[in-house]
């Protein structure tokens, strides 16, 4: 793809490389996906901000996954924001969109409307989980909640777990539409030093607070290239990240034209949830008839709600658990 190519950029992740700097990256633009994720729940503003940031990080990190793999982010804390969870499902075949979903669990009574959203997490951990499919053990990397944003946590994760200097710039905000309507938009840029040049870690050199920093992994020209690319990224404006007025290709030219940017095919992204009635039944299959009875409502049904997409399932308790068949008849002893 050439830098002058014109495509529909909303809900895409555009991979690129800076040839002069030996740095790769992604530009993400989410609008329909972001709106679907945030409109599922009436989140308070601080929780909306955390979910939006996590979704953008997931889209940019997940873009490199192989077909049919899944990447999940889990942010758990002991503060008012207890859990932020996201899933990115790589396309099932070339040319198909990736799918994303996200949700948050929080304690409304502990939220401080005047505090920084990131501070609502408290102490906890930031985890990246990669599921490579059936018969494969999922990979999980964990880093403590650190820095002042989820982006900082992700940067620390890549430095610690992958020894890859990584940088994110992220922006998200509601967009005003005709008729006084609003919808959410989000955008971001990810920079990462190419692995072939990374690791230059000597002994147990560590950065501040015992964590690896870019200075511990790069030296000489590589360090200069990384520093220069970061300084250029520092000049980006939130409106440029969000779009839609500034296309990702135009943004790359504006920021990095001296770094010889090269772009590749954009990955479309769509909202998608993998929940189903069969999966709910499977999750309840470990329970006895007595357990199922304790879950039954006054209306004589068992209900389940998907936190990601809002789907509501109403099931006959006689068909649930390991002591019943699908049609409600008891299994033979």
C-alpha atoms as a PDB file:
ATOM      1  CA  UNK A   1       0.000   0.000   0.000  1.00  0.00           C
ATOM      2  CA  UNK A   2       1.280   3.472  -0.797  1.00  0.00           C
ATOM      3  CA  UNK A   3       1.062   6.327   1.635  1.00  0.00           C
ATOM      4  CA  UNK A   4      -1.324   8.146  -0.697  1.00  0.00           C
ATOM      5  CA  UNK A   5      -3.875   5.296  -0.755  1.00  0.00           C
ATOM      6  CA  UNK A   6      -7.402   6.301   0.249  1.00  0.00           C
ATOM      7  CA  UNK A   7      -9.463   3.802   2.234  1.00  0.00           C
ATOM      8  CA  UNK A   8     -12.139   3.929   4.916  1.00  0.00           C
ATOM      9  CA  UNK A   9      -9.966   4.296   7.991  1.00  0.00           C
ATOM     10  CA  UNK A  10     -12.544   3.993  10.765  1.00  0.00           C
ATOM     11  CA  UNK A  11     -12.253   0.701  12.663  1.00  0.00           C
ATOM     12  CA  UNK A  12      -8.872  -0.230  11.218  1.00  0.00           C
ATOM     13  CA  UNK A  13      -5.339  -0.863  12.410  1.00  0.00           C
ATOM     14  CA  UNK A  14      -2.629   0.212   9.960  1.00  0.00           C
ATOM     15  CA  UNK A  15       0.793  -1.454  10.404  1.00  0.00           C
ATOM     16  CA  UNK A  16       3.853   0.511   9.330  1.00  0.00           C
ATOM     17  CA  UNK A  17       7.623   0.530   9.515  1.00  0.00           C
ATOM     18  CA  UNK A  18      10.109   3.382   9.772  1.00  0.00           C
ATOM     19  CA  UNK A  19      12.902   2.170   7.519  1.00  0.00           C
ATOM     20  CA  UNK A  20      15.463   4.713   8.646  1.00  0.00           C
ATOM     21  CA  UNK A  21      14.906   4.007  12.341  1.00  0.00           C
ATOM     22  CA  UNK A  22      14.397   0.215  12.269  1.00  0.00           C
ATOM     23  CA  UNK A  23      11.110   0.751  14.121  1.00  0.00           C
ATOM     24  CA  UNK A  24       7.710  -0.783  13.446  1.00  0.00           C
ATOM     25  CA  UNK A  25       4.333   0.463  14.563  1.00  0.00           C
ATOM     26  CA  UNK A  26       0.576   0.585  14.202  1.00  0.00           C
ATOM     27  CA  UNK A  27      -1.987   3.361  13.827  1.00  0.00           C
ATOM     28  CA  UNK A  28      -5.422   2.463  15.216  1.00  0.00           C
ATOM     29  CA  UNK A  29      -8.730   4.186  14.522  1.00  0.00           C
ATOM     30  CA  UNK A  30     -11.864   2.933  16.287  1.00  0.00           C
ATOM     31  CA  UNK A  31     -15.281   4.543  16.079  1.00  0.00           C
ATOM     32  CA  UNK A  32     -18.064   1.999  15.493  1.00  0.00           C
ATOM     33  CA  UNK A  33     -16.228  -0.597  17.598  1.00  0.00           C
ATOM     34  CA  UNK A  34     -15.595   1.916  20.380  1.00  0.00           C
ATOM     35  CA  UNK A  35     -19.225   3.049  20.322  1.00  0.00           C
ATOM     36  CA  UNK A  36     -20.532  -0.530  20.527  1.00  0.00           C
ATOM     37  CA  UNK A  37     -18.200  -1.374  23.411  1.00  0.00           C
ATOM     38  CA  UNK A  38     -19.061   1.690  25.482  1.00  0.00           C
ATOM     39  CA  UNK A  39     -22.778   1.811  24.658  1.00  0.00           C
ATOM     40  CA  UNK A  40     -23.350  -1.667  26.145  1.00  0.00           C
ATOM     41  CA  UNK A  41     -23.187  -0.172  29.651  1.00  0.00           C
ATOM     42  CA  UNK A  42     -23.803   3.230  31.228  1.00  0.00           C
ATOM     43  CA  UNK A  43     -20.262   3.496  32.553  1.00  0.00           C
ATOM     44  CA  UNK A  44     -19.174   6.476  34.654  1.00  0.00           C
ATOM     45  CA  UNK A  45     -16.720   8.763  32.826  1.00  0.00           C
ATOM     46  CA  UNK A  46     -13.618   7.398  34.554  1.00  0.00           C
ATOM     47  CA  UNK A  47     -14.539   3.800  33.714  1.00  0.00           C
ATOM     48  CA  UNK A  48     -15.325   4.769  30.114  1.00  0.00           C
ATOM     49  CA  UNK A  49     -11.838   6.232  29.850  1.00  0.00           C
ATOM     50  CA  UNK A  50     -10.192   3.052  31.141  1.00  0.00           C
ATOM     51  CA  UNK A  51     -12.202   0.795  28.833  1.00  0.00           C
ATOM     52  CA  UNK A  52     -11.494   3.030  25.813  1.00  0.00           C
ATOM     53  CA  UNK A  53      -7.754   3.061  26.527  1.00  0.00           C
ATOM     54  CA  UNK A  54      -7.679  -0.717  27.041  1.00  0.00           C
ATOM     55  CA  UNK A  55      -9.584  -1.282  23.783  1.00  0.00           C
ATOM     56  CA  UNK A  56      -7.111   0.817  21.774  1.00  0.00           C
ATOM     57  CA  UNK A  57      -4.141  -0.975  23.326  1.00  0.00           C
ATOM     58  CA  UNK A  58      -5.756  -4.322  22.521  1.00  0.00           C
ATOM     59  CA  UNK A  59      -6.339  -3.382  18.887  1.00  0.00           C
ATOM     60  CA  UNK A  60      -2.746  -2.244  18.344  1.00  0.00           C
ATOM     61  CA  UNK A  61      -1.119  -5.152  20.183  1.00  0.00           C
ATOM     62  CA  UNK A  62      -3.484  -7.740  18.714  1.00  0.00           C
ATOM     63  CA  UNK A  63      -2.901  -6.744  15.084  1.00  0.00           C
ATOM     64  CA  UNK A  64       0.193  -8.981  14.877  1.00  0.00           C
ATOM     65  CA  UNK A  65      -1.649 -12.173  15.912  1.00  0.00           C
ATOM     66  CA  UNK A  66      -1.795 -15.127  13.567  1.00  0.00           C
ATOM     67  CA  UNK A  67      -5.115 -16.233  12.094  1.00  0.00           C
ATOM     68  CA  UNK A  68      -7.629 -17.534  14.644  1.00  0.00           C
ATOM     69  CA  UNK A  69      -5.504 -16.612  17.668  1.00  0.00           C
ATOM     70  CA  UNK A  70      -6.966 -14.574  20.519  1.00  0.00           C
ATOM     71  CA  UNK A  71      -5.377 -11.876  22.654  1.00  0.00           C
ATOM     72  CA  UNK A  72      -6.884 -10.760  25.954  1.00  0.00           C
ATOM     73  CA  UNK A  73      -5.993  -7.908  28.266  1.00  0.00           C
ATOM     74  CA  UNK A  74      -6.928  -8.162  31.934  1.00  0.00           C
ATOM     75  CA  UNK A  75      -6.383  -5.287  34.322  1.00  0.00           C
ATOM     76  CA  UNK A  76      -7.234  -6.151  37.923  1.00  0.00           C
ATOM     77  CA  UNK A  77      -6.928  -3.832  40.890  1.00  0.00           C
ATOM     78  CA  UNK A  78      -8.003  -3.355  44.488  1.00  0.00           C
ATOM     79  CA  UNK A  79      -9.520   0.069  43.828  1.00  0.00           C
ATOM     80  CA  UNK A  80     -12.933   1.119  42.587  1.00  0.00           C
ATOM     81  CA  UNK A  81     -12.132  -0.217  39.091  1.00  0.00           C
ATOM     82  CA  UNK A  82     -11.857  -3.916  39.859  1.00  0.00           C
ATOM     83  CA  UNK A  83     -11.520  -5.371  36.365  1.00  0.00           C
ATOM     84  CA  UNK A  84     -11.035  -4.167  32.791  1.00  0.00           C
ATOM     85  CA  UNK A  85     -11.188  -7.072  30.319  1.00  0.00           C
ATOM     86  CA  UNK A  86     -10.768  -7.050  26.545  1.00  0.00           C
ATOM     87  CA  UNK A  87     -10.621  -9.706  23.827  1.00  0.00           C
ATOM     88  CA  UNK A  88      -9.197  -9.446  20.308  1.00  0.00           C
ATOM     89  CA  UNK A  89      -9.960 -12.353  17.991  1.00  0.00           C
ATOM     90  CA  UNK A  90      -7.686 -12.485  14.955  1.00  0.00           C
ATOM     91  CA  UNK A  91      -9.426 -13.028  11.608  1.00  0.00           C
ATOM     92  CA  UNK A  92     -10.498 -16.545  10.732  1.00  0.00           C
ATOM     93  CA  UNK A  93      -9.135 -16.077   7.214  1.00  0.00           C
ATOM     94  CA  UNK A  94      -7.127 -13.546   5.231  1.00  0.00           C
ATOM     95  CA  UNK A  95      -9.100 -10.412   4.428  1.00  0.00           C
ATOM     96  CA  UNK A  96     -11.696 -10.925   7.160  1.00  0.00           C
ATOM     97  CA  UNK A  97     -12.030  -8.421  10.008  1.00  0.00           C
ATOM     98  CA  UNK A  98     -10.648  -9.034  13.462  1.00  0.00           C
ATOM     99  CA  UNK A  99     -13.275  -8.809  16.212  1.00  0.00           C
ATOM    100  CA  UNK A 100     -13.095  -7.088  19.587  1.00  0.00           C
ATOM    101  CA  UNK A 101     -15.074  -6.820  22.791  1.00  0.00           C
ATOM    102  CA  UNK A 102     -14.465  -5.263  26.236  1.00  0.00           C
ATOM    103  CA  UNK A 103     -16.144  -4.623  29.566  1.00  0.00           C
ATOM    104  CA  UNK A 104     -15.443  -3.348  33.081  1.00  0.00           C
ATOM    105  CA  UNK A 105     -16.424  -4.324  36.604  1.00  0.00           C
ATOM    106  CA  UNK A 106     -16.324  -1.577  39.217  1.00  0.00           C
ATOM    107  CA  UNK A 107     -17.570  -0.498  42.656  1.00  0.00           C
ATOM    108  CA  UNK A 108     -19.695   2.594  42.031  1.00  0.00           C
ATOM    109  CA  UNK A 109     -19.685   3.574  45.707  1.00  0.00           C
ATOM    110  CA  UNK A 110     -15.878   3.828  45.757  1.00  0.00           C
ATOM    111  CA  UNK A 111     -15.489   5.832  42.541  1.00  0.00           C
ATOM    112  CA  UNK A 112     -14.098   9.351  42.901  1.00  0.00           C
ATOM    113  CA  UNK A 113     -15.457  11.484  40.067  1.00  0.00           C
ATOM    114  CA  UNK A 114     -12.684  14.054  40.546  1.00  0.00           C
ATOM    115  CA  UNK A 115      -9.771  11.597  40.544  1.00  0.00           C
ATOM    116  CA  UNK A 116      -7.668  10.532  37.582  1.00  0.00           C
ATOM    117  CA  UNK A 117      -9.218   7.410  35.978  1.00  0.00           C
ATOM    118  CA  UNK A 118      -5.998   5.396  36.286  1.00  0.00           C
ATOM    119  CA  UNK A 119      -5.890   6.006  40.045  1.00  0.00           C
ATOM    120  CA  UNK A 120      -9.252   4.208  40.361  1.00  0.00           C
ATOM    121  CA  UNK A 121      -7.477   0.878  39.729  1.00  0.00           C
ATOM    122  CA  UNK A 122      -5.256   0.993  42.807  1.00  0.00           C
ATOM    123  CA  UNK A 123      -2.693  -1.776  43.230  1.00  0.00           C
ATOM    124  CA  UNK A 124      -2.947  -4.781  40.986  1.00  0.00           C
ATOM    125  CA  UNK A 125      -1.647  -6.261  37.775  1.00  0.00           C
ATOM    126  CA  UNK A 126      -1.765  -5.847  34.000  1.00  0.00           C
ATOM    127  CA  UNK A 127      -1.883  -9.136  32.083  1.00  0.00           C
ATOM    128  CA  UNK A 128      -1.651 -10.084  28.412  1.00  0.00           C
ATOM    129  CA  UNK A 129      -2.947 -13.552  27.497  1.00  0.00           C
ATOM    130  CA  UNK A 130      -2.477 -15.124  24.060  1.00  0.00           C
ATOM    131  CA  UNK A 131      -4.581 -18.166  23.177  1.00  0.00           C
ATOM    132  CA  UNK A 132      -3.096 -20.012  20.206  1.00  0.00           C
ATOM    133  CA  UNK A 133      -6.002 -22.392  19.800  1.00  0.00           C
ATOM    134  CA  UNK A 134      -6.959 -25.940  20.664  1.00  0.00           C
ATOM    135  CA  UNK A 135      -4.324 -28.192  22.243  1.00  0.00           C
ATOM    136  CA  UNK A 136      -2.014 -25.221  22.862  1.00  0.00           C
ATOM    137  CA  UNK A 137      -1.166 -23.834  26.280  1.00  0.00           C
ATOM    138  CA  UNK A 138      -2.113 -20.128  26.495  1.00  0.00           C
ATOM    139  CA  UNK A 139       0.752 -17.701  27.014  1.00  0.00           C
ATOM    140  CA  UNK A 140       0.358 -15.236  29.881  1.00  0.00           C
ATOM    141  CA  UNK A 141       2.553 -12.276  30.791  1.00  0.00           C
ATOM    142  CA  UNK A 142       1.925 -10.171  33.883  1.00  0.00           C
ATOM    143  CA  UNK A 143       3.330  -6.869  35.093  1.00  0.00           C
ATOM    144  CA  UNK A 144       2.326  -4.746  38.120  1.00  0.00           C
ATOM    145  CA  UNK A 145       0.110  -1.709  37.709  1.00  0.00           C
ATOM    146  CA  UNK A 146       2.690   1.026  37.216  1.00  0.00           C
ATOM    147  CA  UNK A 147       3.149   4.468  35.706  1.00  0.00           C
ATOM    148  CA  UNK A 148       0.244   6.827  35.183  1.00  0.00           C
ATOM    149  CA  UNK A 149      -1.779   5.036  32.503  1.00  0.00           C
ATOM    150  CA  UNK A 150      -2.658   1.670  31.029  1.00  0.00           C
ATOM    151  CA  UNK A 151      -0.362   2.586  28.126  1.00  0.00           C
ATOM    152  CA  UNK A 152       2.513   2.871  30.615  1.00  0.00           C
ATOM    153  CA  UNK A 153       1.637  -0.592  31.960  1.00  0.00           C
ATOM    154  CA  UNK A 154       1.754  -2.008  28.429  1.00  0.00           C
ATOM    155  CA  UNK A 155       5.111  -0.338  27.766  1.00  0.00           C
ATOM    156  CA  UNK A 156       6.468  -1.892  30.978  1.00  0.00           C
ATOM    157  CA  UNK A 157       5.095  -5.290  29.979  1.00  0.00           C
ATOM    158  CA  UNK A 158       6.951  -5.241  26.640  1.00  0.00           C
ATOM    159  CA  UNK A 159      10.165  -4.053  28.287  1.00  0.00           C
ATOM    160  CA  UNK A 160      10.039  -6.748  30.965  1.00  0.00           C
ATOM    161  CA  UNK A 161       8.542  -9.722  29.163  1.00  0.00           C
ATOM    162  CA  UNK A 162       9.670  -9.183  25.570  1.00  0.00           C
ATOM    163  CA  UNK A 163      12.665  -6.863  26.004  1.00  0.00           C
ATOM    164  CA  UNK A 164      11.209  -4.631  23.282  1.00  0.00           C
ATOM    165  CA  UNK A 165      11.249  -0.850  23.701  1.00  0.00           C
ATOM    166  CA  UNK A 166       7.630   0.177  23.086  1.00  0.00           C
ATOM    167  CA  UNK A 167       5.728   3.450  23.129  1.00  0.00           C
ATOM    168  CA  UNK A 168       2.024   4.322  22.850  1.00  0.00           C
ATOM    169  CA  UNK A 169       0.200   7.585  22.171  1.00  0.00           C
ATOM    170  CA  UNK A 170      -3.574   7.332  22.654  1.00  0.00           C
ATOM    171  CA  UNK A 171      -6.577   9.657  22.461  1.00  0.00           C
ATOM    172  CA  UNK A 172     -10.329   9.058  22.807  1.00  0.00           C
ATOM    173  CA  UNK A 173     -13.362  11.327  23.126  1.00  0.00           C
ATOM    174  CA  UNK A 174     -17.046  11.588  22.245  1.00  0.00           C
ATOM    175  CA  UNK A 175     -17.625  13.077  18.777  1.00  0.00           C
ATOM    176  CA  UNK A 176     -20.532  15.454  18.165  1.00  0.00           C
ATOM    177  CA  UNK A 177     -22.805  14.416  15.318  1.00  0.00           C
ATOM    178  CA  UNK A 178     -25.675  16.223  13.576  1.00  0.00           C
ATOM    179  CA  UNK A 179     -28.823  16.337  15.687  1.00  0.00           C
ATOM    180  CA  UNK A 180     -26.922  16.806  18.974  1.00  0.00           C
ATOM    181  CA  UNK A 181     -25.967  13.112  19.010  1.00  0.00           C
ATOM    182  CA  UNK A 182     -22.537  11.940  20.120  1.00  0.00           C
ATOM    183  CA  UNK A 183     -20.535   8.794  19.557  1.00  0.00           C
ATOM    184  CA  UNK A 184     -17.162   7.675  20.792  1.00  0.00           C
ATOM    185  CA  UNK A 185     -14.003   7.768  18.709  1.00  0.00           C
ATOM    186  CA  UNK A 186     -10.543   6.579  19.614  1.00  0.00           C
ATOM    187  CA  UNK A 187      -7.143   6.583  17.993  1.00  0.00           C
ATOM    188  CA  UNK A 188      -3.571   5.711  18.807  1.00  0.00           C
ATOM    189  CA  UNK A 189      -0.043   5.114  17.580  1.00  0.00           C
ATOM    190  CA  UNK A 190       2.232   2.295  18.744  1.00  0.00           C
ATOM    191  CA  UNK A 191       6.000   2.322  18.186  1.00  0.00           C
ATOM    192  CA  UNK A 192       8.218  -0.686  18.812  1.00  0.00           C
ATOM    193  CA  UNK A 193      11.869  -1.310  18.141  1.00  0.00           C
ATOM    194  CA  UNK A 194      12.300  -4.259  15.799  1.00  0.00           C
ATOM    195  CA  UNK A 195      13.159  -7.462  17.672  1.00  0.00           C
ATOM    196  CA  UNK A 196      16.304  -8.202  15.682  1.00  0.00           C
ATOM    197  CA  UNK A 197      17.882  -5.146  17.279  1.00  0.00           C
ATOM    198  CA  UNK A 198      16.477  -5.620  20.759  1.00  0.00           C
ATOM    199  CA  UNK A 199      17.797  -7.158  23.199  1.00  0.00           C
ATOM    200  CA  UNK A 200      20.995  -5.446  24.296  1.00  0.00           C
ATOM    201  CA  UNK A 201      20.467  -6.159  27.990  1.00  0.00           C
ATOM    202  CA  UNK A 202      23.640  -6.635  29.949  1.00  0.00           C
ATOM    203  CA  UNK A 203      23.666  -8.590  33.206  1.00  0.00           C
ATOM    204  CA  UNK A 204      20.641  -7.555  35.213  1.00  0.00           C
ATOM    205  CA  UNK A 205      20.647  -3.920  34.209  1.00  0.00           C
ATOM    206  CA  UNK A 206      17.301  -2.440  35.164  1.00  0.00           C
ATOM    207  CA  UNK A 207      15.545   0.852  34.924  1.00  0.00           C
ATOM    208  CA  UNK A 208      13.732   2.736  37.641  1.00  0.00           C
ATOM    209  CA  UNK A 209      11.995   0.582  40.259  1.00  0.00           C
ATOM    210  CA  UNK A 210      13.762  -2.537  38.981  1.00  0.00           C
ATOM    211  CA  UNK A 211      12.042  -2.469  35.583  1.00  0.00           C
ATOM    212  CA  UNK A 212      13.783  -2.560  32.230  1.00  0.00           C
ATOM    213  CA  UNK A 213      13.830   0.703  30.314  1.00  0.00           C
ATOM    214  CA  UNK A 214      14.715   1.487  26.695  1.00  0.00           C
ATOM    215  CA  UNK A 215      18.111   2.774  27.802  1.00  0.00           C
ATOM    216  CA  UNK A 216      18.930  -0.713  29.116  1.00  0.00           C
ATOM    217  CA  UNK A 217      18.112  -2.398  25.799  1.00  0.00           C
ATOM    218  CA  UNK A 218      19.486  -0.033  23.157  1.00  0.00           C
ATOM    219  CA  UNK A 219      22.751   1.774  22.611  1.00  0.00           C
ATOM    220  CA  UNK A 220      24.570   3.712  19.905  1.00  0.00           C
ATOM    221  CA  UNK A 221      22.615   4.445  16.738  1.00  0.00           C
ATOM    222  CA  UNK A 222      19.697   2.301  17.899  1.00  0.00           C
ATOM    223  CA  UNK A 223      19.257   4.428  21.013  1.00  0.00           C
ATOM    224  CA  UNK A 224      19.494   7.622  18.937  1.00  0.00           C
ATOM    225  CA  UNK A 225      16.896   6.318  16.466  1.00  0.00           C
ATOM    226  CA  UNK A 226      14.524   5.355  19.240  1.00  0.00           C
ATOM    227  CA  UNK A 227      14.930   8.704  20.994  1.00  0.00           C
ATOM    228  CA  UNK A 228      14.322  10.601  17.749  1.00  0.00           C
ATOM    229  CA  UNK A 229      11.165   8.620  16.910  1.00  0.00           C
ATOM    230  CA  UNK A 230       9.799   9.254  20.399  1.00  0.00           C
ATOM    231  CA  UNK A 231      10.469  12.986  20.137  1.00  0.00           C
ATOM    232  CA  UNK A 232       8.575  13.049  16.847  1.00  0.00           C
ATOM    233  CA  UNK A 233       5.660  11.156  18.373  1.00  0.00           C
ATOM    234  CA  UNK A 234       5.587  13.674  21.216  1.00  0.00           C
ATOM    235  CA  UNK A 235       4.447  16.311  18.708  1.00  0.00           C
ATOM    236  CA  UNK A 236       1.206  14.490  17.843  1.00  0.00           C
ATOM    237  CA  UNK A 237      -2.042  16.276  18.705  1.00  0.00           C
ATOM    238  CA  UNK A 238      -5.056  14.435  20.193  1.00  0.00           C
ATOM    239  CA  UNK A 239      -7.204  15.506  17.226  1.00  0.00           C
ATOM    240  CA  UNK A 240      -4.700  13.941  14.824  1.00  0.00           C
ATOM    241  CA  UNK A 241      -4.926  10.622  16.648  1.00  0.00           C
ATOM    242  CA  UNK A 242      -8.721  10.658  16.688  1.00  0.00           C
ATOM    243  CA  UNK A 243      -9.419  11.559  13.079  1.00  0.00           C
ATOM    244  CA  UNK A 244     -11.382  11.532  10.875  1.00  0.00           C
ATOM    245  CA  UNK A 245     -10.012  14.751   9.348  1.00  0.00           C
ATOM    246  CA  UNK A 246      -6.403  13.483   9.410  1.00  0.00           C
ATOM    247  CA  UNK A 247      -5.956  10.106   7.743  1.00  0.00           C
ATOM    248  CA  UNK A 248      -3.460   7.655   9.288  1.00  0.00           C
ATOM    249  CA  UNK A 249      -1.227   7.859   6.198  1.00  0.00           C
ATOM    250  CA  UNK A 250      -1.222  11.663   6.407  1.00  0.00           C
ATOM    251  CA  UNK A 251      -0.450  11.448  10.110  1.00  0.00           C
ATOM    252  CA  UNK A 252       2.540   9.177   9.464  1.00  0.00           C
ATOM    253  CA  UNK A 253       3.871  11.571   6.832  1.00  0.00           C
ATOM    254  CA  UNK A 254       3.408  14.526   9.158  1.00  0.00           C
ATOM    255  CA  UNK A 255       5.183  12.834  12.056  1.00  0.00           C
ATOM    256  CA  UNK A 256       7.797  10.630  10.416  1.00  0.00           C
ATOM    257  CA  UNK A 257       8.412  11.744   6.824  1.00  0.00           C
ATOM    258  CA  UNK A 258      12.199  11.857   7.423  1.00  0.00           C
ATOM    259  CA  UNK A 259      12.135   8.312   8.837  1.00  0.00           C
ATOM    260  CA  UNK A 260      10.995   6.778   5.492  1.00  0.00           C
ATOM    261  CA  UNK A 261       7.632   5.346   6.627  1.00  0.00           C
ATOM    262  CA  UNK A 262       6.427   2.224   4.840  1.00  0.00           C
ATOM    263  CA  UNK A 263       2.814   1.049   5.323  1.00  0.00           C
ATOM    264  CA  UNK A 264       1.236  -2.368   4.903  1.00  0.00           C
ATOM    265  CA  UNK A 265      -2.338  -3.572   4.434  1.00  0.00           C
ATOM    266  CA  UNK A 266      -4.733  -2.201   7.033  1.00  0.00           C
ATOM    267  CA  UNK A 267      -6.545  -4.698   9.263  1.00  0.00           C
ATOM    268  CA  UNK A 268     -10.301  -4.031   9.582  1.00  0.00           C
ATOM    269  CA  UNK A 269     -11.768  -4.460  13.066  1.00  0.00           C
ATOM    270  CA  UNK A 270     -15.399  -5.117  14.044  1.00  0.00           C
ATOM    271  CA  UNK A 271     -17.252  -5.524  17.310  1.00  0.00           C
ATOM    272  CA  UNK A 272     -17.849  -9.196  17.971  1.00  0.00           C
ATOM    273  CA  UNK A 273     -18.792 -11.419  20.890  1.00  0.00           C
ATOM    274  CA  UNK A 274     -18.329 -15.176  21.180  1.00  0.00           C
ATOM    275  CA  UNK A 275     -21.054 -15.786  23.757  1.00  0.00           C
ATOM    276  CA  UNK A 276     -23.840 -18.270  22.955  1.00  0.00           C
ATOM    277  CA  UNK A 277     -26.540 -20.312  24.665  1.00  0.00           C
ATOM    278  CA  UNK A 278     -24.448 -23.447  24.179  1.00  0.00           C
ATOM    279  CA  UNK A 279     -21.510 -21.869  26.013  1.00  0.00           C
ATOM    280  CA  UNK A 280     -23.784 -20.858  28.905  1.00  0.00           C
ATOM    281  CA  UNK A 281     -25.089 -24.420  29.089  1.00  0.00           C
ATOM    282  CA  UNK A 282     -21.556 -25.769  29.019  1.00  0.00           C
ATOM    283  CA  UNK A 283     -20.487 -23.493  31.875  1.00  0.00           C
ATOM    284  CA  UNK A 284     -23.432 -24.758  33.951  1.00  0.00           C
ATOM    285  CA  UNK A 285     -22.825 -28.415  33.122  1.00  0.00           C
ATOM    286  CA  UNK A 286     -20.615 -28.920  36.190  1.00  0.00           C
ATOM    287  CA  UNK A 287     -23.500 -28.210  38.602  1.00  0.00           C
ATOM    288  CA  UNK A 288     -25.908 -30.674  40.176  1.00  0.00           C
ATOM    289  CA  UNK A 289     -29.682 -30.375  40.038  1.00  0.00           C
ATOM    290  CA  UNK A 290     -29.579 -29.008  43.594  1.00  0.00           C
ATOM    291  CA  UNK A 291     -27.106 -26.321  42.548  1.00  0.00           C
ATOM    292  CA  UNK A 292     -29.217 -25.432  39.517  1.00  0.00           C
ATOM    293  CA  UNK A 293     -32.294 -25.141  41.763  1.00  0.00           C
ATOM    294  CA  UNK A 294     -30.476 -22.552  43.882  1.00  0.00           C
ATOM    295  CA  UNK A 295     -29.887 -20.470  40.728  1.00  0.00           C
ATOM    296  CA  UNK A 296     -33.518 -20.647  39.575  1.00  0.00           C
ATOM    297  CA  UNK A 297     -35.519 -17.433  39.698  1.00  0.00           C
ATOM    298  CA  UNK A 298     -39.039 -17.009  41.125  1.00  0.00           C
ATOM    299  CA  UNK A 299     -40.249 -17.245  37.524  1.00  0.00           C
ATOM    300  CA  UNK A 300     -38.851 -20.774  37.256  1.00  0.00           C
ATOM    301  CA  UNK A 301     -35.964 -19.979  34.906  1.00  0.00           C
ATOM    302  CA  UNK A 302     -32.194 -19.638  35.055  1.00  0.00           C
ATOM    303  CA  UNK A 303     -30.907 -16.431  33.509  1.00  0.00           C
ATOM    304  CA  UNK A 304     -27.448 -15.347  32.382  1.00  0.00           C
ATOM    305  CA  UNK A 305     -26.167 -12.064  30.970  1.00  0.00           C
ATOM    306  CA  UNK A 306     -23.079 -11.532  28.825  1.00  0.00           C
ATOM    307  CA  UNK A 307     -21.029  -8.691  30.276  1.00  0.00           C
ATOM    308  CA  UNK A 308     -19.387  -8.035  26.910  1.00  0.00           C
ATOM    309  CA  UNK A 309     -22.363  -7.673  24.561  1.00  0.00           C
ATOM    310  CA  UNK A 310     -25.385  -7.504  26.866  1.00  0.00           C
ATOM    311  CA  UNK A 311     -27.017 -10.681  25.532  1.00  0.00           C
ATOM    312  CA  UNK A 312     -29.630 -12.058  27.953  1.00  0.00           C
ATOM    313  CA  UNK A 313     -30.241 -15.816  28.131  1.00  0.00           C
ATOM    314  CA  UNK A 314     -33.313 -17.408  29.734  1.00  0.00           C
ATOM    315  CA  UNK A 315     -33.001 -21.173  30.226  1.00  0.00           C
ATOM    316  CA  UNK A 316     -35.132 -24.018  31.506  1.00  0.00           C
ATOM    317  CA  UNK A 317     -33.452 -25.345  34.686  1.00  0.00           C
ATOM    318  CA  UNK A 318     -34.594 -28.889  33.872  1.00  0.00           C
ATOM    319  CA  UNK A 319     -32.222 -28.873  30.894  1.00  0.00           C
ATOM    320  CA  UNK A 320     -29.164 -27.688  32.832  1.00  0.00           C
ATOM    321  CA  UNK A 321     -26.440 -29.395  34.838  1.00  0.00           C
ATOM    322  CA  UNK A 322     -24.898 -32.837  34.664  1.00  0.00           C
ATOM    323  CA  UNK A 323     -28.076 -34.523  35.946  1.00  0.00           C
ATOM    324  CA  UNK A 324     -30.313 -33.435  33.069  1.00  0.00           C
ATOM    325  CA  UNK A 325     -30.463 -33.877  29.321  1.00  0.00           C
ATOM    326  CA  UNK A 326     -31.129 -31.087  26.844  1.00  0.00           C
ATOM    327  CA  UNK A 327     -34.871 -31.903  26.646  1.00  0.00           C
ATOM    328  CA  UNK A 328     -35.321 -31.906  30.414  1.00  0.00           C
ATOM    329  CA  UNK A 329     -35.507 -35.656  30.995  1.00  0.00           C
ATOM    330  CA  UNK A 330     -33.261 -36.919  33.766  1.00  0.00           C
ATOM    331  CA  UNK A 331     -30.201 -38.862  32.731  1.00  0.00           C
ATOM    332  CA  UNK A 332     -30.308 -42.578  33.383  1.00  0.00           C
ATOM    333  CA  UNK A 333     -28.204 -43.585  36.441  1.00  0.00           C
END
